[in-house]
C-alpha atoms as a PDB file:
ATOM      1  CA  MET A   1       1.650 -12.823 -13.359  1.00  0.00           C
ATOM      2  CA  THR A   2      -0.211 -11.760 -16.602  1.00  0.00           C
ATOM      3  CA  ILE A   3      -0.001  -8.727 -18.923  1.00  0.00           C
ATOM      4  CA  VAL A   4      -2.980  -6.669 -19.420  1.00  0.00           C
ATOM      5  CA  SER A   5      -3.704  -3.088 -20.959  1.00  0.00           C
ATOM      6  CA  THR A   6      -4.481  -0.200 -19.348  1.00  0.00           C
ATOM      7  CA  ALA A   7      -7.357   0.572 -21.467  1.00  0.00           C
ATOM      8  CA  GLU A   8      -9.035  -2.729 -20.408  1.00  0.00           C
ATOM      9  CA  LEU A   9      -8.115  -1.848 -16.737  1.00  0.00           C
ATOM     10  CA  HIS A  10     -10.079   1.284 -17.411  1.00  0.00           C
ATOM     11  CA  LYS A  11     -12.965  -0.484 -18.776  1.00  0.00           C
ATOM     12  CA  LEU A  12     -13.114  -3.126 -16.063  1.00  0.00           C
ATOM     13  CA  THR A  13     -12.726  -0.413 -13.273  1.00  0.00           C
ATOM     14  CA  HIS A  14     -15.493   1.378 -14.349  1.00  0.00           C
ATOM     15  CA  ALA A  15     -17.702  -1.416 -15.032  1.00  0.00           C
ATOM     16  CA  ILE A  16     -16.964  -2.663 -11.162  1.00  0.00           C
ATOM     17  CA  LEU A  17     -16.927   0.632  -9.621  1.00  0.00           C
ATOM     18  CA  GLY A  18     -19.908   2.174 -11.520  1.00  0.00           C
ATOM     19  CA  LYS A  19     -22.120  -0.832 -10.420  1.00  0.00           C
ATOM     20  CA  ALA A  20     -20.818  -0.253  -6.729  1.00  0.00           C
ATOM     21  CA  GLY A  21     -22.317   3.368  -7.148  1.00  0.00           C
ATOM     22  CA  PHE A  22     -19.293   5.598  -7.749  1.00  0.00           C
ATOM     23  CA  ASN A  23     -19.600   8.336 -10.550  1.00  0.00           C
ATOM     24  CA  ALA A  24     -17.378   8.605 -13.660  1.00  0.00           C
ATOM     25  CA  ASP A  25     -15.363  11.397 -12.454  1.00  0.00           C
ATOM     26  CA  HIS A  26     -14.451   9.784  -8.953  1.00  0.00           C
ATOM     27  CA  ILE A  27     -13.864   6.246 -10.782  1.00  0.00           C
ATOM     28  CA  ASP A  28     -11.417   8.011 -13.265  1.00  0.00           C
ATOM     29  CA  ALA A  29      -9.642   9.573 -10.189  1.00  0.00           C
ATOM     30  CA  ILE A  30      -9.574   6.287  -8.239  1.00  0.00           C
ATOM     31  CA  TYR A  31      -8.268   4.548 -11.504  1.00  0.00           C
ATOM     32  CA  ASP A  32      -5.270   7.114 -11.997  1.00  0.00           C
ATOM     33  CA  HIS A  33      -4.259   6.559  -8.318  1.00  0.00           C
ATOM     34  CA  LEU A  34      -4.306   2.690  -8.671  1.00  0.00           C
ATOM     35  CA  LEU A  35      -2.252   2.907 -12.333  1.00  0.00           C
ATOM     36  CA  TYR A  36       0.168   5.247 -10.679  1.00  0.00           C
ATOM     37  CA  ASN A  37       0.971   2.945  -8.207  1.00  0.00           C
ATOM     38  CA  GLU A  38       1.067   0.159 -10.479  1.00  0.00           C
ATOM     39  CA  TYR A  39       3.501   2.266 -12.602  1.00  0.00           C
ATOM     40  CA  ALA A  40       5.684   3.304  -9.518  1.00  0.00           C
ATOM     41  CA  GLY A  41       6.202  -0.361  -8.473  1.00  0.00           C
ATOM     42  CA  ARG A  42       3.847  -0.382  -5.742  1.00  0.00           C
ATOM     43  CA  ALA A  43       1.071  -3.309  -6.704  1.00  0.00           C
ATOM     44  CA  SER A  44       0.298  -3.537  -2.936  1.00  0.00           C
ATOM     45  CA  HIS A  45      -1.625  -0.040  -3.493  1.00  0.00           C
ATOM     46  CA  GLY A  46      -2.721  -0.800  -7.201  1.00  0.00           C
ATOM     47  CA  PHE A  47      -5.540  -2.725  -8.430  1.00  0.00           C
ATOM     48  CA  VAL A  48      -5.638  -4.996  -5.688  1.00  0.00           C
ATOM     49  CA  ARG A  49      -7.616  -2.734  -3.915  1.00  0.00           C
ATOM     50  CA  VAL A  50     -10.517  -2.927  -6.203  1.00  0.00           C
ATOM     51  CA  LYS A  51     -11.532  -5.928  -4.264  1.00  0.00           C
ATOM     52  CA  TRP A  52     -10.801  -4.252  -1.094  1.00  0.00           C
ATOM     53  CA  THR A  53     -13.294  -1.144  -1.988  1.00  0.00           C
ATOM     54  CA  LEU A  54     -16.167  -3.608  -2.641  1.00  0.00           C
ATOM     55  CA  ASP A  55     -15.788  -5.238   0.692  1.00  0.00           C
ATOM     56  CA  PHE A  56     -15.849  -1.874   2.500  1.00  0.00           C
ATOM     57  CA  ILE A  57     -18.912  -1.151   0.459  1.00  0.00           C
ATOM     58  CA  GLU A  58     -20.554  -4.562   1.347  1.00  0.00           C
ATOM     59  CA  ARG A  59     -19.520  -3.855   5.099  1.00  0.00           C
ATOM     60  CA  GLY A  60     -21.142  -0.422   4.947  1.00  0.00           C
ATOM     61  CA  GLN A  61     -17.979   1.156   5.637  1.00  0.00           C
ATOM     62  CA  ILE A  62     -18.015   3.117   2.222  1.00  0.00           C
ATOM     63  CA  HIS A  63     -21.641   4.098   2.634  1.00  0.00           C
ATOM     64  CA  ALA A  64     -22.116   6.942   0.062  1.00  0.00           C
ATOM     65  CA  PRO A  65     -19.662   6.228  -3.143  1.00  0.00           C
ATOM     66  CA  HIS A  66     -21.914   8.530  -5.241  1.00  0.00           C
ATOM     67  CA  ALA A  67     -21.111  11.618  -2.682  1.00  0.00           C
ATOM     68  CA  SER A  68     -18.586  14.143  -3.173  1.00  0.00           C
ATOM     69  CA  PRO A  69     -16.329  15.497  -0.342  1.00  0.00           C
ATOM     70  CA  VAL A  70     -17.276  19.043   1.269  1.00  0.00           C
ATOM     71  CA  ARG A  71     -14.680  21.585   2.599  1.00  0.00           C
ATOM     72  CA  ASP A  72     -16.783  22.228   5.652  1.00  0.00           C
ATOM     73  CA  VAL A  73     -13.845  24.274   7.407  1.00  0.00           C
ATOM     74  CA  ASP A  74     -12.147  26.824   5.278  1.00  0.00           C
ATOM     75  CA  MET A  75      -9.657  29.352   6.856  1.00  0.00           C
ATOM     76  CA  PRO A  76      -6.431  30.513   5.265  1.00  0.00           C
ATOM     77  CA  ALA A  77      -4.215  28.333   7.090  1.00  0.00           C
ATOM     78  CA  TYR A  78      -6.628  25.413   8.581  1.00  0.00           C
ATOM     79  CA  LYS A  79      -8.974  23.363   6.470  1.00  0.00           C
ATOM     80  CA  HIS A  80     -11.101  20.468   6.766  1.00  0.00           C
ATOM     81  CA  ILE A  81     -12.564  18.142   4.269  1.00  0.00           C
ATOM     82  CA  ASP A  82     -16.016  15.982   5.153  1.00  0.00           C
ATOM     83  CA  GLY A  83     -15.649  12.833   3.143  1.00  0.00           C
ATOM     84  CA  CYS A  84     -19.129  12.274   3.431  1.00  0.00           C
ATOM     85  CA  GLY A  85     -18.966   8.564   3.481  1.00  0.00           C
ATOM     86  CA  ASN A  86     -17.229   8.214   0.160  1.00  0.00           C
ATOM     87  CA  ILE A  87     -13.848   6.340  -0.580  1.00  0.00           C
ATOM     88  CA  GLY A  88     -10.658   7.928   1.309  1.00  0.00           C
ATOM     89  CA  ILE A  89      -8.892   8.104  -2.090  1.00  0.00           C
ATOM     90  CA  ILE A  90     -11.507  10.706  -3.417  1.00  0.00           C
ATOM     91  CA  ALA A  91     -11.225  12.575   0.532  1.00  0.00           C
ATOM     92  CA  ALA A  92      -7.364  12.653   0.375  1.00  0.00           C
ATOM     93  CA  LEU A  93      -7.378  14.194  -2.980  1.00  0.00           C
ATOM     94  CA  GLU A  94      -9.400  17.063  -2.124  1.00  0.00           C
ATOM     95  CA  ALA A  95      -7.609  17.469   1.065  1.00  0.00           C
ATOM     96  CA  THR A  96      -4.212  17.480  -1.208  1.00  0.00           C
ATOM     97  CA  LYS A  97      -5.931  20.209  -3.253  1.00  0.00           C
ATOM     98  CA  ALA A  98      -6.822  22.189  -0.267  1.00  0.00           C
ATOM     99  CA  ALA A  99      -3.521  21.776   1.380  1.00  0.00           C
ATOM    100  CA  ILE A 100      -1.779  23.366  -1.837  1.00  0.00           C
ATOM    101  CA  GLU A 101      -4.299  26.345  -2.196  1.00  0.00           C
ATOM    102  CA  GLY A 102      -3.607  27.238   1.547  1.00  0.00           C
ATOM    103  CA  ALA A 103       0.128  26.888   1.520  1.00  0.00           C
ATOM    104  CA  LYS A 104       0.302  28.963  -1.913  1.00  0.00           C
ATOM    105  CA  SER A 105      -1.826  31.835  -0.110  1.00  0.00           C
ATOM    106  CA  ALA A 106      -0.941  31.870   3.341  1.00  0.00           C
ATOM    107  CA  GLY A 107       2.657  30.171   3.158  1.00  0.00           C
ATOM    108  CA  SER A 108       1.429  27.062   5.384  1.00  0.00           C
ATOM    109  CA  CYS A 109      -1.638  24.979   6.019  1.00  0.00           C
ATOM    110  CA  THR A 110      -2.997  22.231   8.260  1.00  0.00           C
ATOM    111  CA  VAL A 111      -5.856  20.084   6.336  1.00  0.00           C
ATOM    112  CA  GLY A 112      -7.551  17.411   8.135  1.00  0.00           C
ATOM    113  CA  ALA A 113     -10.106  15.137   6.563  1.00  0.00           C
ATOM    114  CA  SER A 114     -12.485  12.680   8.259  1.00  0.00           C
ATOM    115  CA  ASN A 115     -15.850  10.782   7.621  1.00  0.00           C
ATOM    116  CA  TYR A 116     -14.835   8.810   4.912  1.00  0.00           C
ATOM    117  CA  GLY A 117     -14.088   4.923   4.687  1.00  0.00           C
ATOM    118  CA  GLY A 118     -12.034   2.371   2.605  1.00  0.00           C
ATOM    119  CA  THR A 119      -8.643   2.737   1.409  1.00  0.00           C
ATOM    120  CA  SER A 120      -6.807   6.417   1.364  1.00  0.00           C
ATOM    121  CA  GLY A 121      -4.394   5.186  -1.237  1.00  0.00           C
ATOM    122  CA  ASN A 122      -0.619   5.574  -1.176  1.00  0.00           C
ATOM    123  CA  MET A 123       0.525   8.920   0.892  1.00  0.00           C
ATOM    124  CA  GLY A 124       3.580   9.218  -1.764  1.00  0.00           C
ATOM    125  CA  TYR A 125       0.775   9.849  -4.469  1.00  0.00           C
ATOM    126  CA  TYR A 126      -0.237  13.019  -2.808  1.00  0.00           C
ATOM    127  CA  ALA A 127       3.237  14.216  -1.541  1.00  0.00           C
ATOM    128  CA  LYS A 128       4.135  14.121  -5.196  1.00  0.00           C
ATOM    129  CA  LEU A 129       1.423  16.626  -6.176  1.00  0.00           C
ATOM    130  CA  MET A 130       2.482  18.864  -3.118  1.00  0.00           C
ATOM    131  CA  THR A 131       6.244  18.818  -4.169  1.00  0.00           C
ATOM    132  CA  ASP A 132       5.379  19.269  -7.819  1.00  0.00           C
ATOM    133  CA  ALA A 133       3.896  22.490  -6.350  1.00  0.00           C
ATOM    134  CA  GLY A 134       7.235  23.393  -4.689  1.00  0.00           C
ATOM    135  CA  LEU A 135       5.901  22.821  -1.080  1.00  0.00           C
ATOM    136  CA  VAL A 136       7.026  20.537   1.564  1.00  0.00           C
ATOM    137  CA  CYS A 137       4.545  18.230   3.339  1.00  0.00           C
ATOM    138  CA  ILE A 138       4.162  15.818   6.207  1.00  0.00           C
ATOM    139  CA  MET A 139       1.124  13.627   6.245  1.00  0.00           C
ATOM    140  CA  SER A 140      -0.430  10.561   7.674  1.00  0.00           C
ATOM    141  CA  CYS A 141      -3.605   8.803   7.513  1.00  0.00           C
ATOM    142  CA  THR A 142      -5.315   5.984   9.826  1.00  0.00           C
ATOM    143  CA  ALA A 143      -6.161   2.742   8.455  1.00  0.00           C
ATOM    144  CA  LEU A 144      -7.463  -0.795   9.642  1.00  0.00           C
ATOM    145  CA  CYS A 145      -6.967  -1.723  13.203  1.00  0.00           C
ATOM    146  CA  LEU A 146      -4.151  -4.498  12.102  1.00  0.00           C
ATOM    147  CA  VAL A 147      -1.274  -3.911  14.028  1.00  0.00           C
ATOM    148  CA  SER A 148      -0.267  -5.865  17.393  1.00  0.00           C
ATOM    149  CA  PRO A 149       2.355  -4.158  19.342  1.00  0.00           C
ATOM    150  CA  ALA A 150       3.828  -7.827  19.862  1.00  0.00           C
ATOM    151  CA  PRO A 151       3.251 -11.291  19.608  1.00  0.00           C
ATOM    152  CA  HIS A 152      -0.129 -12.698  21.550  1.00  0.00           C
ATOM    153  CA  CYS A 153      -1.460  -9.149  21.492  1.00  0.00           C
ATOM    154  CA  LYS A 154      -4.575  -7.859  20.062  1.00  0.00           C
ATOM    155  CA  PRO A 155      -4.365  -5.464  17.381  1.00  0.00           C
ATOM    156  CA  VAL A 156      -4.628  -1.885  18.551  1.00  0.00           C
ATOM    157  CA  ASN A 157      -3.678   0.827  15.466  1.00  0.00           C
ATOM    158  CA  GLY A 158      -3.319   0.901  11.905  1.00  0.00           C
ATOM    159  CA  THR A 159      -0.378   0.589   9.460  1.00  0.00           C
ATOM    160  CA  ASN A 160      -0.658   4.504   9.482  1.00  0.00           C
ATOM    161  CA  PRO A 161       1.790   5.701   7.154  1.00  0.00           C
ATOM    162  CA  LEU A 162       4.255   8.547   7.771  1.00  0.00           C
ATOM    163  CA  CYS A 163       4.958  10.393   4.685  1.00  0.00           C
ATOM    164  CA  ILE A 164       7.350  13.330   4.297  1.00  0.00           C
ATOM    165  CA  GLY A 165       7.941  15.204   0.901  1.00  0.00           C
ATOM    166  CA  ILE A 166      10.533  17.738   0.363  1.00  0.00           C
ATOM    167  CA  PRO A 167      10.936  19.252  -3.412  1.00  0.00           C
ATOM    168  CA  ALA A 168      14.697  19.862  -4.686  1.00  0.00           C
ATOM    169  CA  GLY A 169      13.662  22.377  -7.477  1.00  0.00           C
ATOM    170  CA  ASP A 170      12.385  22.387 -11.093  1.00  0.00           C
ATOM    171  CA  GLY A 171      13.471  19.460 -13.039  1.00  0.00           C
ATOM    172  CA  HIS A 172      15.002  17.675  -9.905  1.00  0.00           C
ATOM    173  CA  MET A 173      13.577  14.734  -8.098  1.00  0.00           C
ATOM    174  CA  PRO A 174      11.882  15.307  -4.748  1.00  0.00           C
ATOM    175  CA  LEU A 175      12.817  13.501  -1.687  1.00  0.00           C
ATOM    176  CA  ILE A 176       9.416  11.512  -0.873  1.00  0.00           C
ATOM    177  CA  TYR A 177       9.746   9.343   2.556  1.00  0.00           C
ATOM    178  CA  ASP A 178       6.580   7.139   2.575  1.00  0.00           C
ATOM    179  CA  SER A 179       6.466   4.123   5.179  1.00  0.00           C
ATOM    180  CA  ALA A 180       3.960   2.446   7.102  1.00  0.00           C
ATOM    181  CA  VAL A 181       4.492   1.648  10.771  1.00  0.00           C
ATOM    182  CA  THR A 182       4.807  -1.908   9.834  1.00  0.00           C
ATOM    183  CA  LYS A 183       7.415  -4.189   8.079  1.00  0.00           C
ATOM    184  CA  ILE A 184       5.176  -5.022   5.285  1.00  0.00           C
ATOM    185  CA  SER A 185       1.726  -3.257   4.084  1.00  0.00           C
ATOM    186  CA  TRP A 186      -1.608  -4.784   4.458  1.00  0.00           C
ATOM    187  CA  GLY A 187      -1.719  -4.621   0.380  1.00  0.00           C
ATOM    188  CA  ASP A 188       1.099  -6.799   0.270  1.00  0.00           C
ATOM    189  CA  THR A 189      -0.229  -9.011   2.605  1.00  0.00           C
ATOM    190  CA  MET A 190      -3.284  -9.340   0.667  1.00  0.00           C
ATOM    191  CA  LEU A 191      -1.303  -9.751  -2.418  1.00  0.00           C
ATOM    192  CA  ALA A 192       0.808 -12.736  -0.911  1.00  0.00           C
ATOM    193  CA  SER A 193      -2.340 -14.140   0.255  1.00  0.00           C
ATOM    194  CA  LEU A 194      -4.269 -14.059  -3.337  1.00  0.00           C
ATOM    195  CA  ASN A 195      -0.612 -15.325  -4.854  1.00  0.00           C
ATOM    196  CA  GLY A 196       0.447 -18.202  -2.438  1.00  0.00           C
ATOM    197  CA  THR A 197       3.659 -16.355  -1.629  1.00  0.00           C
ATOM    198  CA  PRO A 198       5.285 -16.519   1.984  1.00  0.00           C
ATOM    199  CA  LEU A 199       5.583 -13.348   4.173  1.00  0.00           C
ATOM    200  CA  PRO A 200       8.582 -12.106   5.745  1.00  0.00           C
ATOM    201  CA  GLU A 201       9.889 -13.543   8.852  1.00  0.00           C
ATOM    202  CA  GLY A 202       8.689 -11.313  12.081  1.00  0.00           C
ATOM    203  CA  ALA A 203       6.107  -9.367   9.892  1.00  0.00           C
ATOM    204  CA  ALA A 204       2.902 -11.082  10.906  1.00  0.00           C
ATOM    205  CA  LEU A 205       0.516 -12.976  13.183  1.00  0.00           C
ATOM    206  CA  ASP A 206      -2.146 -15.458  12.798  1.00  0.00           C
ATOM    207  CA  PRO A 207      -5.419 -14.709  14.296  1.00  0.00           C
ATOM    208  CA  GLU A 208      -4.301 -16.266  17.860  1.00  0.00           C
ATOM    209  CA  GLY A 209      -1.624 -14.013  17.928  1.00  0.00           C
ATOM    210  CA  ASN A 210       1.378 -16.625  16.673  1.00  0.00           C
ATOM    211  CA  PRO A 211       3.909 -15.626  14.623  1.00  0.00           C
ATOM    212  CA  THR A 212       3.397 -16.859  10.890  1.00  0.00           C
ATOM    213  CA  GLN A 213       4.723 -16.248   7.068  1.00  0.00           C
ATOM    214  CA  ASP A 214       1.549 -17.894   5.958  1.00  0.00           C
ATOM    215  CA  ALA A 215      -0.082 -15.072   4.357  1.00  0.00           C
ATOM    216  CA  SER A 216      -3.572 -17.016   4.153  1.00  0.00           C
ATOM    217  CA  ALA A 217      -3.257 -17.331   8.145  1.00  0.00           C
ATOM    218  CA  VAL A 218      -3.349 -13.829   8.351  1.00  0.00           C
ATOM    219  CA  VAL A 219      -5.578 -12.609   5.899  1.00  0.00           C
ATOM    220  CA  PRO A 220      -8.273 -11.659   7.100  1.00  0.00           C
ATOM    221  CA  LYS A 221      -8.166 -12.019  10.713  1.00  0.00           C
ATOM    222  CA  GLY A 222      -4.604 -11.906  11.513  1.00  0.00           C
ATOM    223  CA  SER A 223      -2.287  -8.971  12.258  1.00  0.00           C
ATOM    224  CA  LEU A 224       1.051  -7.482  11.622  1.00  0.00           C
ATOM    225  CA  LEU A 225       3.941  -6.172  13.722  1.00  0.00           C
ATOM    226  CA  PRO A 226       5.424  -2.890  13.932  1.00  0.00           C
ATOM    227  CA  ILE A 227       8.805  -1.813  12.736  1.00  0.00           C
ATOM    228  CA  ALA A 228      11.442  -1.455  15.254  1.00  0.00           C
ATOM    229  CA  GLU A 229       9.559  -3.068  17.969  1.00  0.00           C
ATOM    230  CA  HIS A 230       8.103  -0.413  20.467  1.00  0.00           C
ATOM    231  CA  LYS A 231       9.676   2.447  18.600  1.00  0.00           C
ATOM    232  CA  GLY A 232       7.300   1.597  15.614  1.00  0.00           C
ATOM    233  CA  PHE A 233       4.755   0.851  17.878  1.00  0.00           C
ATOM    234  CA  GLY A 234       4.930   4.119  19.565  1.00  0.00           C
ATOM    235  CA  LEU A 235       5.108   6.240  16.449  1.00  0.00           C
ATOM    236  CA  GLY A 236       1.879   4.196  15.080  1.00  0.00           C
ATOM    237  CA  ILE A 237       0.006   5.202  18.212  1.00  0.00           C
ATOM    238  CA  ALA A 238       1.089   9.088  17.541  1.00  0.00           C
ATOM    239  CA  LEU A 239       0.089   8.830  13.925  1.00  0.00           C
ATOM    240  CA  GLU A 240      -3.236   7.250  15.107  1.00  0.00           C
ATOM    241  CA  ILE A 241      -4.139  10.341  17.057  1.00  0.00           C
ATOM    242  CA  LEU A 242      -2.843  12.955  14.589  1.00  0.00           C
ATOM    243  CA  ALA A 243      -4.530  11.537  11.847  1.00  0.00           C
ATOM    244  CA  GLY A 244      -7.594  10.574  13.759  1.00  0.00           C
ATOM    245  CA  PRO A 245      -9.310  12.148  16.690  1.00  0.00           C
ATOM    246  CA  LEU A 246      -7.225  15.519  15.918  1.00  0.00           C
ATOM    247  CA  VAL A 247      -8.945  15.716  13.003  1.00  0.00           C
ATOM    248  CA  GLY A 248     -12.569  14.627  13.538  1.00  0.00           C
ATOM    249  CA  GLY A 249     -11.554  11.027  12.539  1.00  0.00           C
ATOM    250  CA  LYS A 250     -11.596   7.841  14.590  1.00  0.00           C
ATOM    251  CA  ALA A 251      -8.994   5.623  16.205  1.00  0.00           C
ATOM    252  CA  GLY A 252      -8.383   1.967  16.969  1.00  0.00           C
ATOM    253  CA  LYS A 253     -11.103  -0.579  16.085  1.00  0.00           C
ATOM    254  CA  THR A 254     -13.685   1.638  14.721  1.00  0.00           C
ATOM    255  CA  VAL A 255     -11.935   2.821  12.027  1.00  0.00           C
ATOM    256  CA  PRO A 256     -13.605   1.916   8.749  1.00  0.00           C
ATOM    257  CA  GLY A 257     -10.497   1.164   6.517  1.00  0.00           C
ATOM    258  CA  SER A 258      -9.352   4.765   7.148  1.00  0.00           C
ATOM    259  CA  ASP A 259     -11.289   7.455   8.602  1.00  0.00           C
ATOM    260  CA  GLY A 260      -8.666  10.536   9.112  1.00  0.00           C
ATOM    261  CA  LEU A 261      -5.896  12.204   6.905  1.00  0.00           C
ATOM    262  CA  PHE A 262      -3.607  14.724   8.478  1.00  0.00           C
ATOM    263  CA  ILE A 263      -1.412  16.961   6.314  1.00  0.00           C
ATOM    264  CA  GLN A 264       0.882  20.040   6.874  1.00  0.00           C
ATOM    265  CA  ALA A 265       2.097  21.730   3.660  1.00  0.00           C
ATOM    266  CA  PHE A 266       4.447  24.792   3.842  1.00  0.00           C
ATOM    267  CA  ASP A 267       6.236  26.861   1.346  1.00  0.00           C
ATOM    268  CA  PRO A 268      10.048  26.863   2.123  1.00  0.00           C
ATOM    269  CA  ALA A 269      10.058  30.377   1.027  1.00  0.00           C
ATOM    270  CA  CYS A 270       8.595  31.341   4.591  1.00  0.00           C
ATOM    271  CA  PHE A 271      11.977  30.670   5.744  1.00  0.00           C
ATOM    272  CA  GLY A 272      14.230  32.289   3.282  1.00  0.00           C
ATOM    273  CA  ASP A 273      15.332  32.139  -0.398  1.00  0.00           C
ATOM    274  CA  LYS A 274      13.635  29.233  -1.852  1.00  0.00           C
ATOM    275  CA  GLU A 275      16.685  28.777  -4.652  1.00  0.00           C
ATOM    276  CA  SER A 276      19.042  28.640  -1.775  1.00  0.00           C
ATOM    277  CA  PHE A 277      16.895  25.734  -0.027  1.00  0.00           C
ATOM    278  CA  TYR A 278      16.820  23.731  -3.295  1.00  0.00           C
ATOM    279  CA  ALA A 279      20.757  24.226  -3.712  1.00  0.00           C
ATOM    280  CA  ASN A 280      21.346  23.224  -0.259  1.00  0.00           C
ATOM    281  CA  ILE A 281      19.187  20.087  -0.844  1.00  0.00           C
ATOM    282  CA  ARG A 282      20.721  19.136  -3.728  1.00  0.00           C
ATOM    283  CA  ARG A 283      24.251  19.198  -2.200  1.00  0.00           C
ATOM    284  CA  TYR A 284      22.945  17.002   0.663  1.00  0.00           C
ATOM    285  CA  MET A 285      21.397  14.713  -1.430  1.00  0.00           C
ATOM    286  CA  ASP A 286      24.606  14.024  -3.623  1.00  0.00           C
ATOM    287  CA  GLU A 287      26.436  13.845  -0.224  1.00  0.00           C
ATOM    288  CA  VAL A 288      23.860  10.811   0.590  1.00  0.00           C
ATOM    289  CA  LYS A 289      24.044   9.211  -2.719  1.00  0.00           C
ATOM    290  CA  SER A 290      27.880   9.115  -2.281  1.00  0.00           C
ATOM    291  CA  SER A 291      28.370   7.813   1.061  1.00  0.00           C
ATOM    292  CA  PRO A 292      28.941   4.110   0.199  1.00  0.00           C
ATOM    293  CA  LEU A 293      32.394   3.506   0.665  1.00  0.00           C
ATOM    294  CA  ASP A 294      32.483   0.690  -1.999  1.00  0.00           C
ATOM    295  CA  GLY A 295      31.066   2.661  -4.698  1.00  0.00           C
ATOM    296  CA  SER A 296      27.696   0.864  -4.469  1.00  0.00           C
ATOM    297  CA  ALA A 297      24.428   2.744  -5.493  1.00  0.00           C
ATOM    298  CA  MET A 298      22.765   4.522  -2.652  1.00  0.00           C
ATOM    299  CA  ARG A 299      18.756   5.075  -3.314  1.00  0.00           C
ATOM    300  CA  LEU A 300      17.043   8.200  -1.838  1.00  0.00           C
ATOM    301  CA  PRO A 301      13.893   7.490  -0.271  1.00  0.00           C
ATOM    302  CA  GLY A 302      11.196   7.598  -2.868  1.00  0.00           C
ATOM    303  CA  GLU A 303      13.728   7.258  -5.772  1.00  0.00           C
ATOM    304  CA  ALA A 304      13.007   3.819  -6.982  1.00  0.00           C
ATOM    305  CA  SER A 305       9.192   4.739  -6.977  1.00  0.00           C
ATOM    306  CA  LEU A 306       9.710   7.888  -8.789  1.00  0.00           C
ATOM    307  CA  ASN A 307      11.913   6.558 -11.218  1.00  0.00           C
ATOM    308  CA  ALA A 308       9.793   3.487 -11.906  1.00  0.00           C
ATOM    309  CA  TYR A 309       6.966   5.845 -12.553  1.00  0.00           C
ATOM    310  CA  LYS A 310       8.654   8.135 -14.884  1.00  0.00           C
ATOM    311  CA  THR A 311       9.800   5.126 -16.813  1.00  0.00           C
ATOM    312  CA  ASN A 312       6.524   3.577 -16.869  1.00  0.00           C
ATOM    313  CA  LYS A 313       4.101   6.193 -17.238  1.00  0.00           C
ATOM    314  CA  ASN A 314       3.407   6.175 -21.032  1.00  0.00           C
ATOM    315  CA  ILE A 315       3.253   2.451 -21.414  1.00  0.00           C
ATOM    316  CA  THR A 316      -0.325   0.920 -22.391  1.00  0.00           C
ATOM    317  CA  GLU A 317       0.210  -2.605 -20.988  1.00  0.00           C
ATOM    318  CA  ILE A 318       1.341  -3.471 -17.465  1.00  0.00           C
ATOM    319  CA  GLU A 319       2.324  -6.469 -15.488  1.00  0.00           C
ATOM    320  CA  LEU A 320      -0.582  -7.397 -13.108  1.00  0.00           C
ATOM    321  CA  SER A 321      -0.885 -10.268 -10.744  1.00  0.00           C
ATOM    322  CA  GLU A 322      -3.233 -12.904 -12.528  1.00  0.00           C
ATOM    323  CA  ALA A 323      -5.230 -13.687  -9.458  1.00  0.00           C
ATOM    324  CA  VAL A 324      -6.167  -9.657  -9.101  1.00  0.00           C
ATOM    325  CA  TYR A 325      -6.763  -9.793 -13.031  1.00  0.00           C
ATOM    326  CA  GLN A 326      -9.020 -12.691 -12.784  1.00  0.00           C
ATOM    327  CA  LYS A 327     -10.993 -11.097 -10.051  1.00  0.00           C
ATOM    328  CA  MET A 328     -11.517  -7.858 -11.843  1.00  0.00           C
ATOM    329  CA  LYS A 329     -12.975  -9.852 -14.561  1.00  0.00           C
ATOM    330  CA  GLU A 330     -15.320 -11.615 -12.219  1.00  0.00           C
ATOM    331  CA  TYR A 331     -16.626  -8.495 -10.730  1.00  0.00           C
ATOM    332  CA  ALA A 332     -17.187  -6.818 -13.935  1.00  0.00           C
ATOM    333  CA  ALA A 333     -19.081  -9.568 -15.335  1.00  0.00           C
END
């Protein structure tokens, strides 16, 4: 690991992605997203994804990094974002803005996004934007076809996260559940391959479908295993359809990194008094936090990442993988 200033990371990101064809506003949005993840302790979704983005461009899966997403369906309670061939982070940000606007005006809004490539980023990032706006959200996105149902099987779906965000009122931390349907993320697998660290047991397969803890045997042609065996596999398939074909995206082997995003956002005031809802949420969270019989600490979903972000968001230097840092300097040069 090495210490790098955020000013240098901003400069490097602009140099790399600017040469790749992204405009300055989009690079700033991508940089903000990646930095948020580093601050939140989610290095798997941080600057390691710069190289990943270049790989997608080289393969033609991000074919219009200069393009801006378009809202091609704009009904009060349903909206669709055409990503126009740009990166998923930009399409997902536009979809989140549309979801907030729609749910604020109509009470509830379903948003789909498709026709983009590369990483959609961390779903918890977008959920935080929606819970900050006082909205409940349920969302998912497709991802590279990297998940095998079991050892000695071909991959059939992406790591497809399920994310649920629930606000708890002004000044109170929301509950944000955000989990891939795999035991580890592909970003963590890439980091392990770059850093030479082993993977958890029972998390990944080599290209022949054999279980392995060697990340270099998994990246780039191996696969990951689902959480909870058949239950996680079934969840991944369902999310692949909701966040893919339902909203005009792809599924399976044709997904170009990510090509589909599904968001359902709604205002809890639709069901009654919002302050009563918040009070009930906070009371229940306190009950969960006090559940350990031995007095140990209990963390709520999303709490570790939200606390880390709150602690780190104003620092001007971060700890970054040495391998990731050297790759960024290499690409910028």
